[in-house]
Amino acid sequence: MLKTKFQTLCQNFTNDHNLVDTLWQEIEQRHTEPTRHYHTLQHLEQFYTELPTLDAVTEFAIFYHDIVYDATRNDNEEKSALLCEERLLRLEVEPKLVAEVVQLIGETKTHEANSPRNVLFLDADLAVLGATEKVYATYAYNVRREYAIYGDDIYREGRQKVLRHFLGKERIYLSDYFYEKYERTARKNLESELLSLSKGE
């Protein structure tokens, strides 16, 4: 499904099918790296399930926002944006649209959006926080696996900081669409994980 969606998207800008296939293979390879357990192709598929509307900017951001992911670094978003820019220019995507995609990918670092469309994308990126208890547990487990290089004490401290950051927000989801759909369940999931971590579990 994802491959077909990517091909269809790219066909709006280029007739170079070999280039499109090469770029898809890169996306697939990156998202199936052995160190990835949550930031996978399944995460990309979730955007198509969650987002109420799609356009070219949103779709390109889906495929490239996590193209670079290294749990030991804090510049993944910047590197993903740069790689995306280079790939889209090769596809002959117009510079204005490329700039909008790069802007959106950069916003996944701060989760501060500059447009209603971007707000929806950033909220969709966090949709898993409001998933069922079972799905959330799998997500939390997979995040831990991605940070397997860190010992339990260091991981717990860092993860608790992230959870408190979200719980300290007035709203986890900035759009009314996702707020009404997931806010209550997300807070319940985050509080449950925080309690578990505080017990050393």
Protein backbone atom coordinates (compact mmCIF):
# COMPACT_ATOMS: atom_id res chain seq x y z
CA MET A 1 0.00 0.00 0.00
CA LEU A 2 2.69 2.51 0.99
CA LYS A 3 4.78 1.83 -2.09
CA THR A 4 1.79 2.44 -4.36
CA LYS A 5 0.93 5.66 -2.53
CA PHE A 6 4.50 6.90 -2.87
CA GLN A 7 4.62 6.04 -6.58
CA THR A 8 1.29 7.77 -7.21
CA LEU A 9 2.46 10.85 -5.33
CA CYS A 10 5.74 11.08 -7.24
CA GLN A 11 4.05 10.64 -10.61
CA ASN A 12 2.63 14.14 -10.16
CA PHE A 13 6.16 15.50 -10.52
CA THR A 14 8.28 13.12 -12.60
CA ASN A 15 8.10 10.39 -15.22
CA ASP A 16 11.38 8.86 -14.07
CA HIS A 17 10.09 5.55 -12.73
CA ASN A 18 13.58 4.28 -11.97
CA LEU A 19 14.23 7.27 -9.73
CA VAL A 20 10.92 6.76 -7.94
CA ASP A 21 11.71 3.08 -7.38
CA THR A 22 15.17 3.97 -6.07
CA LEU A 23 13.75 6.52 -3.63
CA TRP A 24 11.10 4.07 -2.45
CA GLN A 25 13.76 1.42 -1.82
CA GLU A 26 15.65 3.93 0.31
CA ILE A 27 12.55 4.73 2.35
CA GLU A 28 11.80 1.04 2.83
CA GLN A 29 15.40 0.22 3.79
CA ARG A 30 15.64 3.07 6.28
CA HIS A 31 12.38 2.18 8.01
CA THR A 32 13.28 -1.50 8.32
CA GLU A 33 16.68 -0.94 9.93
CA PRO A 34 17.26 -3.48 12.74
CA THR A 35 17.42 -0.70 15.35
CA ARG A 36 13.92 0.49 14.51
CA HIS A 37 10.97 -0.94 16.39
CA TYR A 38 8.43 1.91 16.49
CA HIS A 39 9.63 4.31 13.79
CA THR A 40 8.85 1.79 11.07
CA LEU A 41 6.74 1.56 7.93
CA GLN A 42 3.77 0.80 10.17
CA HIS A 43 4.19 4.24 11.75
CA LEU A 44 3.95 5.79 8.28
CA GLU A 45 0.84 3.76 7.49
CA GLN A 46 -0.83 5.13 10.61
CA PHE A 47 -0.76 8.65 9.18
CA TYR A 48 -2.95 7.52 6.30
CA THR A 49 -5.36 6.01 8.79
CA GLU A 50 -5.42 9.02 11.10
CA LEU A 51 -5.28 12.14 8.93
CA PRO A 52 -8.68 13.48 7.84
CA THR A 53 -7.16 15.26 4.82
CA LEU A 54 -4.04 14.82 2.71
CA ASP A 55 -2.08 16.93 0.23
CA ALA A 56 1.33 16.61 -1.42
CA VAL A 57 3.11 18.41 1.43
CA THR A 58 1.57 16.13 4.02
CA GLU A 59 2.25 12.97 2.04
CA PHE A 60 5.90 13.78 1.36
CA ALA A 61 6.30 14.61 5.06
CA ILE A 62 4.84 11.23 5.97
CA PHE A 63 7.50 9.41 3.98
CA TYR A 64 10.45 11.57 5.00
CA HIS A 65 9.89 12.92 8.52
CA ASP A 66 11.68 9.94 10.13
CA ILE A 67 13.91 8.93 7.20
CA VAL A 68 16.91 9.54 9.49
CA TYR A 69 16.49 8.07 12.96
CA ASP A 70 19.28 7.43 15.43
CA ALA A 71 18.29 7.16 19.10
CA THR A 72 21.70 8.46 20.18
CA ARG A 73 21.34 11.78 18.33
CA ASN A 74 19.16 14.86 18.70
CA ASP A 75 19.36 16.14 15.12
CA ASN A 76 17.27 13.49 13.38
CA GLU A 77 14.64 15.98 12.27
CA GLU A 78 17.20 18.33 10.74
CA LYS A 79 18.96 15.51 8.93
CA SER A 80 15.63 14.09 7.72
CA ALA A 81 14.63 17.51 6.40
CA LEU A 82 17.90 17.95 4.53
CA LEU A 83 17.71 14.49 2.96
CA CYS A 84 14.09 15.10 2.01
CA GLU A 85 14.95 18.40 0.36
CA GLU A 86 17.61 16.77 -1.80
CA ARG A 87 15.33 13.90 -2.82
CA LEU A 88 12.36 16.11 -3.69
CA LEU A 89 14.49 18.41 -5.81
CA ARG A 90 15.65 15.34 -7.73
CA LEU A 91 11.97 14.57 -8.32
CA GLU A 92 11.62 18.09 -9.74
CA VAL A 93 9.13 19.11 -7.08
CA GLU A 94 8.68 22.88 -7.19
CA PRO A 95 10.88 24.70 -4.61
CA LYS A 96 7.93 26.31 -2.80
CA LEU A 97 6.37 22.92 -2.09
CA VAL A 98 9.76 21.49 -1.06
CA ALA A 99 10.19 24.35 1.40
CA GLU A 100 6.78 23.61 2.93
CA VAL A 101 7.66 19.93 3.40
CA VAL A 102 11.02 20.82 4.95
CA GLN A 103 9.26 23.29 7.26
CA LEU A 104 6.78 20.62 8.39
CA ILE A 105 9.48 18.03 9.05
CA GLY A 106 11.37 20.59 11.11
CA GLU A 107 8.25 21.19 13.18
CA THR A 108 8.17 17.55 14.27
CA LYS A 109 11.09 18.43 16.57
CA THR A 110 9.27 21.14 18.52
CA HIS A 111 5.67 20.19 17.73
CA GLU A 112 4.92 23.86 17.15
CA ALA A 113 3.05 24.24 13.88
CA ASN A 114 2.74 27.25 11.59
CA SER A 115 -0.52 26.21 9.91
CA PRO A 116 -3.72 24.23 10.62
CA ARG A 117 -2.56 21.55 8.17
CA ASN A 118 0.70 21.14 10.04
CA VAL A 119 -1.14 20.99 13.35
CA LEU A 120 -3.07 17.98 12.09
CA PHE A 121 0.13 16.28 10.94
CA LEU A 122 1.87 16.82 14.27
CA ASP A 123 -1.17 15.55 16.14
CA ALA A 124 -1.31 12.47 13.90
CA ASP A 125 2.34 11.84 14.75
CA LEU A 126 1.22 11.53 18.40
CA ALA A 127 -1.97 9.55 17.73
CA VAL A 128 -0.47 6.41 19.27
CA LEU A 129 -0.49 8.12 22.67
CA GLY A 130 -4.28 7.90 22.60
CA ALA A 131 -4.46 4.32 21.39
CA THR A 132 -5.98 1.43 23.29
CA GLU A 133 -4.13 0.22 26.36
CA LYS A 134 -2.79 -2.81 24.49
CA VAL A 135 -1.55 -0.81 21.49
CA TYR A 136 0.01 1.80 23.75
CA ALA A 137 1.81 -0.89 25.74
CA THR A 138 3.30 -2.25 22.51
CA TYR A 139 4.35 1.27 21.51
CA ALA A 140 6.05 1.90 24.87
CA TYR A 141 7.81 -1.47 24.64
CA ASN A 142 9.07 -0.71 21.14
CA VAL A 143 10.32 2.74 22.15
CA ARG A 144 12.31 1.08 24.92
CA ARG A 145 13.80 -1.32 22.36
CA GLU A 146 14.89 1.61 20.20
CA TYR A 147 16.77 2.99 23.19
CA ALA A 148 18.24 -0.37 24.15
CA ILE A 149 21.77 1.07 24.27
CA TYR A 150 20.80 2.88 27.49
CA GLY A 151 20.58 1.17 30.86
CA ASP A 152 17.28 1.03 32.72
CA ASP A 153 18.04 3.88 35.13
CA ILE A 154 19.09 6.30 32.39
CA TYR A 155 16.17 5.30 30.20
CA ARG A 156 13.61 5.66 32.99
CA GLU A 157 14.88 9.12 33.83
CA GLY A 158 14.73 10.27 30.22
CA ARG A 159 11.38 8.68 29.50
CA GLN A 160 9.80 10.13 32.64
CA LYS A 161 10.96 13.58 31.55
CA VAL A 162 9.23 13.10 28.17
CA LEU A 163 6.01 11.86 29.77
CA ARG A 164 5.91 14.75 32.25
CA HIS A 165 6.47 17.17 29.39
CA PHE A 166 3.35 15.94 27.61
CA LEU A 167 1.28 15.74 30.77
CA GLY A 168 2.30 19.29 31.67
CA LYS A 169 0.79 20.68 28.49
CA GLU A 170 -2.63 22.27 28.59
CA ARG A 171 -3.44 20.18 25.53
CA ILE A 172 -1.46 17.27 24.10
CA TYR A 173 -3.38 17.59 20.83
CA LEU A 174 -3.68 21.08 19.40
CA SER A 175 -6.39 20.36 16.83
CA ASP A 176 -9.95 19.94 18.00
CA TYR A 177 -10.21 16.87 15.78
CA PHE A 178 -7.50 14.91 17.60
CA TYR A 179 -8.18 16.50 20.99
CA GLU A 180 -11.72 15.20 21.04
CA LYS A 181 -10.64 11.83 19.70
CA TYR A 182 -7.60 11.04 21.86
CA GLU A 183 -6.82 13.57 24.61
CA ARG A 184 -8.47 11.78 27.51
CA THR A 185 -7.10 8.34 26.63
CA ALA A 186 -3.64 9.75 25.93
CA ARG A 187 -3.41 11.31 29.38
CA LYS A 188 -4.53 8.06 30.96
CA ASN A 189 -1.88 6.09 29.03
CA LEU A 190 0.90 8.55 29.85
CA GLU A 191 0.02 8.65 33.52
CA SER A 192 -0.07 4.85 33.65
CA GLU A 193 3.37 4.54 32.04
CA LEU A 194 4.78 7.24 34.31
CA LEU A 195 3.49 5.42 37.38
CA SER A 196 4.97 2.15 36.14
CA LEU A 197 8.37 3.75 35.54
CA SER A 198 8.36 5.43 38.93
CA LYS A 199 7.95 1.97 40.47
CA GLY A 200 10.96 0.75 38.53
CA GLU A 201 8.93 -1.52 36.31
